[in-house]
Amino acid sequence: MNVLIPAPLRSYTGQRQVEASGSTLGALLVDLDRRYPGIRFRMINEQDRMRPHIRFFVNGDQVFDLLKSLQSSDEVLIVQALSGG
């Protein structure tokens, strides 16, 4: 499936858009990490939870669960939220 990568993570992929596969969002992130080592840790913490500054959207809907089922035709958008003050 098509995965859109935010600018801060493009140092891993070298591309704005990549292909990956997985039956769930968590499996998709494992596949991305297999293809682009280290990228998953930038999005998922040591407790296997989404980092607070990362947002995931599947077909335009925000997803909060790594167990979210995916279809091969889905588009996944990864967004790094802005923070600071």
C-alpha atoms as a PDB file:
ATOM      1  CA  MET A   1       0.000   0.000   0.000  1.00  0.00           C
ATOM      2  CA  ASN A   2       0.969   3.601  -0.444  1.00  0.00           C
ATOM      3  CA  VAL A   3       2.546   5.312   2.598  1.00  0.00           C
ATOM      4  CA  LEU A   4       3.191   9.058   2.676  1.00  0.00           C
ATOM      5  CA  ILE A   5       6.265   9.947   4.741  1.00  0.00           C
ATOM      6  CA  PRO A   6       6.643  13.296   6.563  1.00  0.00           C
ATOM      7  CA  ALA A   7       9.721  15.416   5.851  1.00  0.00           C
ATOM      8  CA  PRO A   8      11.442  14.677   9.210  1.00  0.00           C
ATOM      9  CA  LEU A   9      11.429  10.924   8.441  1.00  0.00           C
ATOM     10  CA  ARG A  10      12.529  11.148   4.812  1.00  0.00           C
ATOM     11  CA  SER A  11      16.152  10.751   5.840  1.00  0.00           C
ATOM     12  CA  TYR A  12      15.228   7.082   6.339  1.00  0.00           C
ATOM     13  CA  THR A  13      13.358   6.562   3.074  1.00  0.00           C
ATOM     14  CA  GLY A  14      14.826   9.182   0.776  1.00  0.00           C
ATOM     15  CA  GLN A  15      11.324   9.541  -0.640  1.00  0.00           C
ATOM     16  CA  ARG A  16       8.048  11.298   0.086  1.00  0.00           C
ATOM     17  CA  GLN A  17       6.028   8.210  -0.769  1.00  0.00           C
ATOM     18  CA  VAL A  18       6.884   4.514  -0.342  1.00  0.00           C
ATOM     19  CA  GLU A  19       5.207   1.132  -0.663  1.00  0.00           C
ATOM     20  CA  ALA A  20       4.781  -1.190   2.325  1.00  0.00           C
ATOM     21  CA  SER A  21       2.502  -4.015   3.374  1.00  0.00           C
ATOM     22  CA  GLY A  22       0.784  -5.294   6.488  1.00  0.00           C
ATOM     23  CA  SER A  23      -2.613  -6.492   7.622  1.00  0.00           C
ATOM     24  CA  THR A  24      -2.607  -3.978  10.506  1.00  0.00           C
ATOM     25  CA  LEU A  25      -1.031  -0.584  11.098  1.00  0.00           C
ATOM     26  CA  GLY A  26       1.460  -2.214  13.478  1.00  0.00           C
ATOM     27  CA  ALA A  27       2.435  -4.806  10.858  1.00  0.00           C
ATOM     28  CA  LEU A  28       2.820  -2.055   8.278  1.00  0.00           C
ATOM     29  CA  LEU A  29       5.248  -0.220  10.575  1.00  0.00           C
ATOM     30  CA  VAL A  30       7.254  -3.427  11.065  1.00  0.00           C
ATOM     31  CA  ASP A  31       7.473  -3.789   7.274  1.00  0.00           C
ATOM     32  CA  LEU A  32       8.580  -0.160   6.945  1.00  0.00           C
ATOM     33  CA  ASP A  33      11.278  -0.790   9.558  1.00  0.00           C
ATOM     34  CA  ARG A  34      12.452  -3.876   7.661  1.00  0.00           C
ATOM     35  CA  ARG A  35      12.801  -1.769   4.517  1.00  0.00           C
ATOM     36  CA  TYR A  36      14.078   1.373   6.271  1.00  0.00           C
ATOM     37  CA  PRO A  37      15.826   0.326   9.506  1.00  0.00           C
ATOM     38  CA  GLY A  38      15.226   2.622  12.474  1.00  0.00           C
ATOM     39  CA  ILE A  39      12.132   4.403  11.144  1.00  0.00           C
ATOM     40  CA  ARG A  40       9.676   2.569  13.419  1.00  0.00           C
ATOM     41  CA  PHE A  41      11.444   3.712  16.597  1.00  0.00           C
ATOM     42  CA  ARG A  42      10.874   7.332  15.545  1.00  0.00           C
ATOM     43  CA  MET A  43       7.101   6.646  15.563  1.00  0.00           C
ATOM     44  CA  ILE A  44       6.602   3.930  18.209  1.00  0.00           C
ATOM     45  CA  ASN A  45       8.123   3.988  21.707  1.00  0.00           C
ATOM     46  CA  GLU A  46       9.632   1.229  23.861  1.00  0.00           C
ATOM     47  CA  GLN A  47       6.186   0.368  25.273  1.00  0.00           C
ATOM     48  CA  ASP A  48       4.909  -0.290  21.721  1.00  0.00           C
ATOM     49  CA  ARG A  49       2.759   2.858  21.783  1.00  0.00           C
ATOM     50  CA  MET A  50       2.470   5.657  19.272  1.00  0.00           C
ATOM     51  CA  ARG A  51       4.704   8.583  20.112  1.00  0.00           C
ATOM     52  CA  PRO A  52       2.654  11.671  21.040  1.00  0.00           C
ATOM     53  CA  HIS A  53       4.040  13.809  18.203  1.00  0.00           C
ATOM     54  CA  ILE A  54       3.142  11.298  15.464  1.00  0.00           C
ATOM     55  CA  ARG A  55      -0.288  10.975  13.853  1.00  0.00           C
ATOM     56  CA  PHE A  56      -1.467   8.222  11.520  1.00  0.00           C
ATOM     57  CA  PHE A  57      -4.256   8.584   8.969  1.00  0.00           C
ATOM     58  CA  VAL A  58      -5.727   5.765   6.903  1.00  0.00           C
ATOM     59  CA  ASN A  59      -7.710   6.954   3.905  1.00  0.00           C
ATOM     60  CA  GLY A  60      -8.063  10.348   5.582  1.00  0.00           C
ATOM     61  CA  ASP A  61      -9.276   9.088   8.975  1.00  0.00           C
ATOM     62  CA  GLN A  62      -7.038   9.424  12.025  1.00  0.00           C
ATOM     63  CA  VAL A  63      -6.105   6.080  13.578  1.00  0.00           C
ATOM     64  CA  PHE A  64      -5.211   5.621  17.252  1.00  0.00           C
ATOM     65  CA  ASP A  65      -4.721   1.840  17.357  1.00  0.00           C
ATOM     66  CA  LEU A  66      -1.822  -0.202  15.977  1.00  0.00           C
ATOM     67  CA  LEU A  67      -4.276  -3.098  15.552  1.00  0.00           C
ATOM     68  CA  LYS A  68      -6.292  -1.134  12.956  1.00  0.00           C
ATOM     69  CA  SER A  69      -6.931  -3.476  10.015  1.00  0.00           C
ATOM     70  CA  LEU A  70      -5.574  -2.388   6.652  1.00  0.00           C
ATOM     71  CA  GLN A  71      -6.348  -3.325   3.070  1.00  0.00           C
ATOM     72  CA  SER A  72      -3.781  -3.350   0.273  1.00  0.00           C
ATOM     73  CA  SER A  73      -5.667  -0.490  -1.419  1.00  0.00           C
ATOM     74  CA  ASP A  74      -5.442   1.801   1.656  1.00  0.00           C
ATOM     75  CA  GLU A  75      -3.352   4.946   1.758  1.00  0.00           C
ATOM     76  CA  VAL A  76      -1.509   5.637   5.003  1.00  0.00           C
ATOM     77  CA  LEU A  77      -0.376   9.136   5.859  1.00  0.00           C
ATOM     78  CA  ILE A  78       2.147   9.672   8.648  1.00  0.00           C
ATOM     79  CA  VAL A  79       2.191  13.188  10.103  1.00  0.00           C
ATOM     80  CA  GLN A  80       4.606  14.640  12.600  1.00  0.00           C
ATOM     81  CA  ALA A  81       2.697  17.089  14.785  1.00  0.00           C
ATOM     82  CA  LEU A  82       4.272  20.417  15.587  1.00  0.00           C
ATOM     83  CA  SER A  83       5.115  21.082  19.204  1.00  0.00           C
ATOM     84  CA  GLY A  84       6.854  23.677  21.256  1.00  0.00           C
ATOM     85  CA  GLY A  85       6.005  27.113  22.404  1.00  0.00           C
END
